[in-house]
């Protein structure tokens, strides 16, 4: 969900991933960054640190070897990639003590709360910049909440493979884009595109 093609897609991405992501960039943090933040404040033993480093290096090596393999199908590649990441997660679970797992879970809850607060501030700012009516804001928030519930259900569905989850998430995102087209006026869409252009120009000058 990282590539933003139009102003409308920018807003769709924001509404869709406001609190999800997070698995991702969220505004789009990488999974490694998210995990690093979640582990902040947890005391690991030297042995745990060494094992985690070894696990990361092993996972990185396996992924490099997988990426070099040109003799497998896309389906096989996705399956092996999923298996590598699943193994990495299982290894991490075995390393942590019950207390560390509880702290990790608490850290994730706090991260989620911070994302929700940040999302609320961004929604208020968006309302002011685009001169959105209360009715439009209510529709956008309702759509966001509904999408986030669907995102959560998809991610927690263990019957789906990673590729299937990705496909369903992308389909849900497309639905969000169509909904936004019905909620926003042409003038608001134009203003949003102008704001995006200004942000890009400002970013280039840095």
Foldseek 3Di string as FASTA:
>chain_A
DPDQDALLLVVLLCLLQLQAPDVACVCGDPPVVVLVQLQPPPDDDPVLVVVLVVLVVVLVVVLVVLVVDPPDDPVVSLVVNLVSVVVSVVVNVVSDDPVSVVSSVVSVVVVSVVSVVVSVVVLVVLCVQLVADPVLSVQSNVLSVVSSVVLVVLVPPPVDRPVRSVVVSVVSSVVSSVVSVVSDDPSSSVSSRVVVVVVVVVVVVD
